[in-house]
Amino acid sequence: MTISLVDLDQSQRPATADWTILADPQVESVCRAVARGFSRDYGLTLEYEDALQEAVIIVAERAPYVRQLVTDSGAGLLHRWLSQRLRDRWLTEAKHRSAHMSYEAARNAAERSGQ
């Protein structure tokens, strides 16, 4: 038996989200578990509520794939897939934020240069 973790809709962002996926107790439990793990691992920059919100959005955006994943492989594989998607999304956002200079840093730099 070969299990493939290919997300076929990865390149396309769906126009709508299917929030009914959260009625599945396994999906809700996995979202909470992934969010707890991320808030523990990245606690200084990502709080539990924010991680949970991101996880729920990811699941709702790809509800058909999540249903198939749970049906075919169970909650364990969903946990791994969701962790990877959340890590990709969060790290990308963190990179974008770190590339920006804060107002205070820009002001201090300007003051040091005498402008």
C-alpha atoms as a PDB file:
ATOM      1  CA  MET A   1       0.000   0.000   0.000  1.00  0.00           C
ATOM      2  CA  THR A   2       1.434   3.356  -1.053  1.00  0.00           C
ATOM      3  CA  ILE A   3       0.219   6.594   0.451  1.00  0.00           C
ATOM      4  CA  SER A   4       0.752   9.783  -1.485  1.00  0.00           C
ATOM      5  CA  LEU A   5       0.611  13.214   0.144  1.00  0.00           C
ATOM      6  CA  VAL A   6       0.106  15.150  -3.064  1.00  0.00           C
ATOM      7  CA  ASP A   7      -2.270  18.065  -2.783  1.00  0.00           C
ATOM      8  CA  LEU A   8      -3.589  18.404  -6.312  1.00  0.00           C
ATOM      9  CA  ASP A   9      -5.229  21.782  -5.635  1.00  0.00           C
ATOM     10  CA  GLN A  10      -2.110  23.316  -4.113  1.00  0.00           C
ATOM     11  CA  SER A  11      -1.498  25.762  -6.968  1.00  0.00           C
ATOM     12  CA  GLN A  12      -5.088  26.997  -7.043  1.00  0.00           C
ATOM     13  CA  ARG A  13      -6.748  28.763  -4.143  1.00  0.00           C
ATOM     14  CA  PRO A  14     -10.420  27.880  -3.920  1.00  0.00           C
ATOM     15  CA  ALA A  15     -12.895  30.744  -4.159  1.00  0.00           C
ATOM     16  CA  THR A  16     -15.025  29.404  -1.308  1.00  0.00           C
ATOM     17  CA  ALA A  17     -14.521  27.539   1.923  1.00  0.00           C
ATOM     18  CA  ASP A  18     -16.581  24.581   3.123  1.00  0.00           C
ATOM     19  CA  TRP A  19     -16.985  25.146   6.855  1.00  0.00           C
ATOM     20  CA  THR A  20     -19.102  21.998   7.277  1.00  0.00           C
ATOM     21  CA  ILE A  21     -15.858  20.006   7.384  1.00  0.00           C
ATOM     22  CA  LEU A  22     -15.425  21.201  10.976  1.00  0.00           C
ATOM     23  CA  ALA A  23     -18.465  19.169  12.033  1.00  0.00           C
ATOM     24  CA  ASP A  24     -16.316  16.031  11.726  1.00  0.00           C
ATOM     25  CA  PRO A  25     -14.927  15.369  15.231  1.00  0.00           C
ATOM     26  CA  GLN A  26     -11.688  13.928  13.837  1.00  0.00           C
ATOM     27  CA  VAL A  27     -11.011  17.042  11.784  1.00  0.00           C
ATOM     28  CA  GLU A  28     -11.744  19.384  14.688  1.00  0.00           C
ATOM     29  CA  SER A  29      -9.534  17.327  16.993  1.00  0.00           C
ATOM     30  CA  VAL A  30      -6.646  17.353  14.522  1.00  0.00           C
ATOM     31  CA  CYS A  31      -6.970  21.131  14.035  1.00  0.00           C
ATOM     32  CA  ARG A  32      -6.753  21.647  17.801  1.00  0.00           C
ATOM     33  CA  ALA A  33      -3.812  19.251  18.157  1.00  0.00           C
ATOM     34  CA  VAL A  34      -1.851  20.903  15.355  1.00  0.00           C
ATOM     35  CA  ALA A  35      -2.571  24.368  16.795  1.00  0.00           C
ATOM     36  CA  ARG A  36      -1.387  23.252  20.255  1.00  0.00           C
ATOM     37  CA  GLY A  37       1.828  21.917  18.753  1.00  0.00           C
ATOM     38  CA  PHE A  38       2.508  25.106  16.848  1.00  0.00           C
ATOM     39  CA  SER A  39       1.761  27.344  19.818  1.00  0.00           C
ATOM     40  CA  ARG A  40       4.160  25.235  21.870  1.00  0.00           C
ATOM     41  CA  ASP A  41       6.915  25.217  19.232  1.00  0.00           C
ATOM     42  CA  TYR A  42       6.514  28.827  18.073  1.00  0.00           C
ATOM     43  CA  GLY A  43       4.990  30.285  21.234  1.00  0.00           C
ATOM     44  CA  LEU A  44       6.873  33.557  21.069  1.00  0.00           C
ATOM     45  CA  THR A  45       5.402  34.464  17.691  1.00  0.00           C
ATOM     46  CA  LEU A  46       2.280  32.337  17.192  1.00  0.00           C
ATOM     47  CA  GLU A  47      -0.441  31.958  19.806  1.00  0.00           C
ATOM     48  CA  TYR A  48      -2.822  29.001  20.047  1.00  0.00           C
ATOM     49  CA  GLU A  49      -5.880  30.928  18.868  1.00  0.00           C
ATOM     50  CA  ASP A  50      -4.047  32.240  15.805  1.00  0.00           C
ATOM     51  CA  ALA A  51      -2.674  28.800  14.949  1.00  0.00           C
ATOM     52  CA  LEU A  52      -6.138  27.266  15.367  1.00  0.00           C
ATOM     53  CA  GLN A  53      -7.687  29.908  13.124  1.00  0.00           C
ATOM     54  CA  GLU A  54      -5.088  29.266  10.419  1.00  0.00           C
ATOM     55  CA  ALA A  55      -5.558  25.486  10.677  1.00  0.00           C
ATOM     56  CA  VAL A  56      -9.342  25.812  10.386  1.00  0.00           C
ATOM     57  CA  ILE A  57      -9.011  28.052   7.341  1.00  0.00           C
ATOM     58  CA  ILE A  58      -6.648  25.604   5.633  1.00  0.00           C
ATOM     59  CA  VAL A  59      -9.022  22.705   6.293  1.00  0.00           C
ATOM     60  CA  ALA A  60     -12.086  24.624   5.099  1.00  0.00           C
ATOM     61  CA  GLU A  61     -10.326  25.766   1.919  1.00  0.00           C
ATOM     62  CA  ARG A  62      -9.480  22.203   0.970  1.00  0.00           C
ATOM     63  CA  ALA A  63     -12.461  20.357   2.434  1.00  0.00           C
ATOM     64  CA  PRO A  64     -12.882  17.745  -0.358  1.00  0.00           C
ATOM     65  CA  TYR A  65      -9.228  16.751  -0.084  1.00  0.00           C
ATOM     66  CA  VAL A  66      -9.443  16.629   3.724  1.00  0.00           C
ATOM     67  CA  ARG A  67     -12.525  14.385   3.575  1.00  0.00           C
ATOM     68  CA  GLN A  68     -10.732  12.054   1.177  1.00  0.00           C
ATOM     69  CA  LEU A  69      -7.634  12.021   3.362  1.00  0.00           C
ATOM     70  CA  VAL A  70      -9.592  11.169   6.523  1.00  0.00           C
ATOM     71  CA  THR A  71     -11.609   8.492   4.732  1.00  0.00           C
ATOM     72  CA  ASP A  72      -8.627   6.857   3.062  1.00  0.00           C
ATOM     73  CA  SER A  73      -5.928   7.215   5.691  1.00  0.00           C
ATOM     74  CA  GLY A  74      -7.340   8.520   8.966  1.00  0.00           C
ATOM     75  CA  ALA A  75      -6.539  11.318  11.362  1.00  0.00           C
ATOM     76  CA  GLY A  76      -2.808  10.597  11.598  1.00  0.00           C
ATOM     77  CA  LEU A  77      -2.130  11.463   7.992  1.00  0.00           C
ATOM     78  CA  LEU A  78      -4.419  14.500   8.243  1.00  0.00           C
ATOM     79  CA  HIS A  79      -2.324  15.685  11.200  1.00  0.00           C
ATOM     80  CA  ARG A  80       0.864  15.406   9.177  1.00  0.00           C
ATOM     81  CA  TRP A  81      -0.623  17.076   6.095  1.00  0.00           C
ATOM     82  CA  LEU A  82      -2.158  19.923   8.109  1.00  0.00           C
ATOM     83  CA  SER A  83       1.081  20.477  10.030  1.00  0.00           C
ATOM     84  CA  GLN A  84       2.952  20.806   6.741  1.00  0.00           C
ATOM     85  CA  ARG A  85       0.399  23.218   5.267  1.00  0.00           C
ATOM     86  CA  LEU A  86       0.337  25.347   8.431  1.00  0.00           C
ATOM     87  CA  ARG A  87       4.128  25.401   8.631  1.00  0.00           C
ATOM     88  CA  ASP A  88       4.366  26.453   4.971  1.00  0.00           C
ATOM     89  CA  ARG A  89       1.792  29.202   5.421  1.00  0.00           C
ATOM     90  CA  TRP A  90       3.145  30.465   8.740  1.00  0.00           C
ATOM     91  CA  LEU A  91       6.818  30.426   7.733  1.00  0.00           C
ATOM     92  CA  THR A  92       6.031  32.278   4.507  1.00  0.00           C
ATOM     93  CA  GLU A  93       4.176  34.958   6.449  1.00  0.00           C
ATOM     94  CA  ALA A  94       6.972  35.146   9.037  1.00  0.00           C
ATOM     95  CA  LYS A  95       9.550  35.653   6.269  1.00  0.00           C
ATOM     96  CA  HIS A  96       7.499  38.483   4.804  1.00  0.00           C
ATOM     97  CA  ARG A  97       7.136  40.138   8.205  1.00  0.00           C
ATOM     98  CA  SER A  98      10.844  39.852   8.988  1.00  0.00           C
ATOM     99  CA  ALA A  99      11.750  41.507   5.681  1.00  0.00           C
ATOM    100  CA  HIS A 100       9.952  44.711   6.707  1.00  0.00           C
ATOM    101  CA  MET A 101      11.642  47.330   8.849  1.00  0.00           C
ATOM    102  CA  SER A 102       9.591  48.552  11.775  1.00  0.00           C
ATOM    103  CA  TYR A 103       8.776  52.216  12.189  1.00  0.00           C
ATOM    104  CA  GLU A 104      10.982  52.434  15.280  1.00  0.00           C
ATOM    105  CA  ALA A 105      13.966  50.859  13.522  1.00  0.00           C
ATOM    106  CA  ALA A 106      13.582  53.179  10.527  1.00  0.00           C
ATOM    107  CA  ARG A 107      13.328  56.215  12.818  1.00  0.00           C
ATOM    108  CA  ASN A 108      16.402  55.166  14.807  1.00  0.00           C
ATOM    109  CA  ALA A 109      18.368  54.617  11.592  1.00  0.00           C
ATOM    110  CA  ALA A 110      17.349  58.049  10.320  1.00  0.00           C
ATOM    111  CA  GLU A 111      18.329  59.675  13.612  1.00  0.00           C
ATOM    112  CA  ARG A 112      21.730  57.992  13.561  1.00  0.00           C
ATOM    113  CA  SER A 113      22.393  59.139  10.009  1.00  0.00           C
ATOM    114  CA  GLY A 114      21.416  62.717  10.942  1.00  0.00           C
ATOM    115  CA  GLN A 115      18.422  63.039   8.635  1.00  0.00           C
END
